[in-house]
Protein backbone atom coordinates (compact mmCIF):
# COMPACT_ATOMS: atom_id res chain seq x y z
CA MET A 1 -60.60 2.19 -22.81
CA GLN A 2 -57.24 3.71 -22.98
CA THR A 3 -57.15 6.81 -25.29
CA ALA A 4 -54.34 7.64 -27.61
CA TRP A 5 -53.13 10.56 -25.39
CA GLN A 6 -53.07 8.20 -22.32
CA THR A 7 -50.71 5.81 -24.27
CA ILE A 8 -48.52 8.42 -25.43
CA LEU A 9 -48.28 9.67 -21.84
CA LEU A 10 -47.71 6.41 -20.61
CA ALA A 11 -44.72 5.96 -23.15
CA ILE A 12 -43.17 9.39 -22.33
CA THR A 13 -43.47 8.55 -18.37
CA THR A 14 -41.92 5.05 -19.02
CA ALA A 15 -39.04 6.61 -21.16
CA ASN A 16 -38.35 9.25 -18.59
CA LEU A 17 -38.43 6.75 -15.69
CA VAL A 18 -35.92 4.35 -17.68
CA ALA A 19 -33.71 7.47 -18.63
CA LEU A 20 -33.55 8.40 -14.71
CA LEU A 21 -32.61 4.74 -13.84
CA VAL A 22 -29.92 4.70 -16.38
CA GLN A 23 -28.46 8.18 -15.37
CA ASN A 24 -28.51 7.00 -11.58
CA ARG A 25 -26.51 3.93 -12.45
CA ARG A 26 -24.00 5.95 -14.40
CA LEU A 27 -23.47 8.15 -11.39
CA ARG A 28 -23.29 5.47 -8.84
CA THR A 29 -20.50 3.85 -11.19
CA ALA A 30 -18.80 7.16 -11.52
CA LEU A 31 -18.87 7.76 -7.79
CA ALA A 32 -17.36 4.16 -7.21
CA THR A 33 -14.72 4.57 -9.72
CA ALA A 34 -13.92 8.16 -8.06
CA ARG A 35 -13.61 6.73 -4.71
CA HIS A 36 -11.57 3.88 -5.85
CA GLU A 37 -9.02 6.13 -7.71
CA ALA A 38 -8.79 8.30 -4.68
CA ASP A 39 -7.70 5.55 -2.64
CA HIS A 40 -5.48 3.39 -4.86
CA ASP A 41 -2.24 3.83 -6.67
CA PRO A 42 -2.84 4.24 -10.36
CA LEU A 43 0.36 2.18 -11.49
CA THR A 44 -0.02 -1.12 -9.00
CA GLY A 45 -3.43 -0.82 -8.20
CA LEU A 46 -2.68 -1.30 -4.40
CA PRO A 47 -4.07 1.11 -1.74
CA ASN A 48 -2.20 4.36 -1.89
CA ARG A 49 -0.65 6.33 0.96
CA ARG A 50 -3.86 8.06 1.91
CA ALA A 51 -5.60 4.80 2.19
CA LEU A 52 -2.96 3.03 4.13
CA LEU A 53 -2.58 6.08 6.81
CA ARG A 54 -6.43 5.98 7.13
CA HIS A 55 -6.50 2.43 7.74
CA LEU A 56 -3.37 2.47 10.01
CA ASN A 57 -5.03 5.46 12.24
CA ALA A 58 -8.29 3.57 12.59
CA LEU A 59 -6.55 0.50 13.97
CA LEU A 60 -4.40 2.67 16.11
CA ALA A 61 -7.35 4.46 17.76
CA ASP A 62 -7.88 1.26 19.67
CA ARG A 63 -4.96 1.43 22.21
CA ALA A 64 -5.33 -2.32 23.26
CA ARG A 65 -4.94 -3.58 19.74
CA PRO A 66 -1.56 -4.94 18.68
CA VAL A 67 -0.72 -3.36 15.33
CA SER A 68 2.48 -3.18 13.26
CA VAL A 69 3.83 -1.62 10.06
CA ALA A 70 6.58 -3.16 7.72
CA LEU A 71 8.19 -0.78 5.39
CA LEU A 72 9.67 -2.21 2.26
CA ASP A 73 12.33 -0.18 0.27
CA LEU A 74 13.62 -1.84 -3.01
CA ASN A 75 17.30 -2.17 -3.35
CA ASP A 76 19.04 -0.71 -6.11
CA PHE A 77 15.77 0.63 -7.66
CA LYS A 78 17.34 3.98 -8.77
CA ALA A 79 20.05 2.14 -10.50
CA ILE A 80 17.24 -0.04 -12.29
CA ASN A 81 15.80 3.21 -13.48
CA ASP A 82 18.78 4.88 -14.54
CA GLN A 83 20.20 1.69 -16.54
CA HIS A 84 16.73 0.57 -18.09
CA GLY A 85 14.60 3.42 -18.10
CA HIS A 86 11.50 4.47 -16.05
CA ALA A 87 9.16 2.01 -18.04
CA ALA A 88 11.21 -0.81 -16.55
CA GLY A 89 11.04 0.65 -13.14
CA ASP A 90 7.29 0.59 -13.59
CA SER A 91 7.22 -2.71 -14.67
CA LEU A 92 9.17 -3.75 -11.50
CA LEU A 93 7.00 -1.91 -9.04
CA ILE A 94 3.87 -3.63 -10.73
CA HIS A 95 5.84 -7.20 -10.33
CA VAL A 96 6.64 -6.38 -6.64
CA ALA A 97 2.72 -5.32 -5.93
CA ASP A 98 1.54 -8.63 -7.56
CA THR A 99 4.18 -10.78 -5.66
CA LEU A 100 3.32 -9.14 -2.36
CA THR A 101 -0.62 -9.63 -3.15
CA ALA A 102 -0.14 -13.42 -4.01
CA LEU A 103 1.28 -13.99 -0.56
CA ASP A 104 -2.16 -13.52 1.01
CA LEU A 105 -0.82 -12.49 4.45
CA PRO A 106 -2.95 -13.06 7.23
CA THR A 107 -4.49 -9.77 8.83
CA ALA A 108 -2.35 -7.71 6.40
CA TYR A 109 -3.28 -4.63 4.60
CA ILE A 110 -0.71 -4.03 1.91
CA GLY A 111 -0.22 -0.78 -0.24
CA ARG A 112 2.28 1.55 -1.92
CA MET A 113 3.37 4.47 -0.10
CA SER A 114 5.36 6.19 -2.66
CA GLY A 115 8.09 5.55 -5.24
CA ASP A 116 9.64 2.12 -4.46
CA GLU A 117 8.19 1.89 -1.00
CA PHE A 118 5.52 -0.35 0.00
CA LEU A 119 3.84 -0.81 3.34
CA ILE A 120 2.30 -3.79 5.34
CA VAL A 121 0.04 -2.85 8.00
CA THR A 122 -0.58 -6.13 10.11
CA ASP A 123 -3.61 -6.25 12.64
CA GLY A 124 -2.00 -8.60 15.01
CA GLY A 125 0.43 -9.69 17.39
CA GLU A 126 4.27 -9.73 17.22
CA ARG A 127 4.56 -13.27 15.75
CA THR A 128 2.23 -12.55 12.84
CA SER A 129 3.96 -9.14 12.14
CA ARG A 130 7.36 -10.74 12.22
CA GLU A 131 6.13 -13.59 10.05
CA ASN A 132 4.28 -11.31 7.48
CA ALA A 133 7.58 -9.19 7.07
CA THR A 134 9.91 -12.27 6.89
CA ALA A 135 7.50 -13.83 4.25
CA ALA A 136 7.45 -10.45 2.23
CA ALA A 137 11.12 -10.14 2.46
CA ASP A 138 11.73 -13.76 1.40
CA ALA A 139 9.24 -13.66 -1.51
CA LEU A 140 10.94 -10.71 -3.08
CA ASP A 141 14.53 -12.04 -2.57
CA ARG A 142 13.18 -15.00 -4.62
CA SER A 143 11.63 -13.16 -7.24
CA THR A 144 13.10 -11.73 -10.36
CA LEU A 145 11.72 -9.97 -13.55
CA ALA A 146 13.25 -10.07 -17.00
CA ILE A 147 13.93 -6.72 -18.34
CA PHE A 148 15.36 -6.57 -21.97
CA GLY A 149 16.29 -10.26 -21.34
CA GLU A 150 18.37 -9.65 -18.38
CA PRO A 151 16.70 -11.03 -14.77
CA VAL A 152 16.54 -8.38 -12.30
CA ASN A 153 16.14 -8.96 -8.55
CA CYS A 154 13.08 -7.52 -6.58
CA ARG A 155 15.19 -7.81 -3.22
CA ALA A 156 14.06 -5.32 -0.57
CA SER A 157 15.06 -3.96 2.63
CA VAL A 158 12.39 -4.18 5.49
CA GLY A 159 11.93 -2.19 8.53
CA LEU A 160 9.48 -3.49 11.04
CA ALA A 161 8.09 -1.64 13.84
CA MET A 162 5.28 -2.55 16.42
CA ALA A 163 2.99 -0.11 18.00
CA ASP A 164 3.44 0.19 22.10
CA HIS A 165 2.08 2.42 24.81
CA GLY A 166 4.51 4.98 23.82
CA THR A 167 3.96 5.09 20.01
CA ARG A 168 0.24 4.97 18.89
CA THR A 169 0.29 7.54 16.17
CA ALA A 170 0.90 6.71 12.39
CA SER A 171 3.82 9.21 12.23
CA GLY A 172 5.56 7.82 15.17
CA LEU A 173 5.11 4.16 14.08
CA LEU A 174 6.42 4.89 10.49
CA THR A 175 9.41 6.88 11.85
CA ARG A 176 10.32 4.03 13.60
CA ALA A 177 9.75 1.56 10.63
CA ASP A 178 11.80 3.96 8.48
CA ALA A 179 14.67 3.77 10.85
CA ALA A 180 14.71 0.19 11.26
CA MET A 181 14.60 0.07 7.30
CA TYR A 182 17.72 1.89 7.02
CA ASP A 183 19.48 -0.26 9.70
CA ALA A 184 18.55 -3.20 7.53
CA LYS A 185 20.14 -1.63 4.40
CA ARG A 186 23.28 -0.59 6.32
CA HIS A 187 23.64 -4.04 7.68
CA GLY A 188 22.64 -6.03 4.72
CA ALA A 189 19.71 -7.65 6.82
CA ALA A 190 16.33 -8.47 5.03
CA VAL A 191 14.31 -7.30 7.78
CA GLN A 192 15.40 -5.26 10.88
CA VAL A 193 12.91 -4.79 13.83
CA TRP A 194 12.95 -1.37 15.39
CA HIS A 195 14.22 -1.16 18.99
CA HIS A 196 15.20 1.41 21.36
CA THR A 197 18.76 1.54 20.30
CA THR A 198 17.86 2.82 17.11
CA ALA A 199 16.13 5.84 18.43
CA THR A 200 18.96 7.95 17.33
CA THR A 201 18.67 6.60 13.66
CA ALA A 202 14.86 7.26 13.97
CA THR A 203 15.61 10.87 15.05
CA LYS A 204 17.97 11.55 11.98
CA ALA A 205 15.53 9.88 9.52
CA ALA A 206 12.72 11.87 10.66
CA ALA A 207 14.86 15.13 10.18
CA SER A 208 16.32 14.26 6.98
CA ARG A 209 13.46 12.33 4.98
CA ARG A 210 9.59 13.07 4.42
CA ARG A 211 7.34 13.77 7.26
CA TYR A 212 4.32 11.21 7.71
CA ARG A 213 0.97 12.59 8.58
């Protein structure tokens, strides 16, 4: 027969085991949360710059793989912030993120680089890359957000760059997309594809703006 002491010991052991299981579950949850927060933008919930670059570098490691990036920069975002305040600007960024995510673009990885810049990494050929960039630009062009009762457009300029044998690094590809995006702004185009004639623009953009790593 089981003695009172054995009953007490069994109860203590069971309680300790349950406590360890609960603590282990809490630690695993905390670790998963920390990992998610490290790789996601706290405002929009999209993958952040760190996650985007890691994903892009992983794709570019396969030199035979067709990869492209579409860099989206919101038009007149600074004016919206200045006129309506940063809370309104944050609301617009969240709306843009939701609009892009809802498109469910094929073989696309969408994230927020920084500020009002978003990035679409497409793991596919030129046709898919162009279609994804165009679909994103068109969706934002059609989308508006009411701020203090005033409809605000979400239009963006998009620079598209596709990896080739000469450019298989994230920094090189993003510099090209950056240059193409500035060409789109200058010419009033929704989407501009990088080509060799924009090489000078790419050089100036790399010298004057942030460095991609």
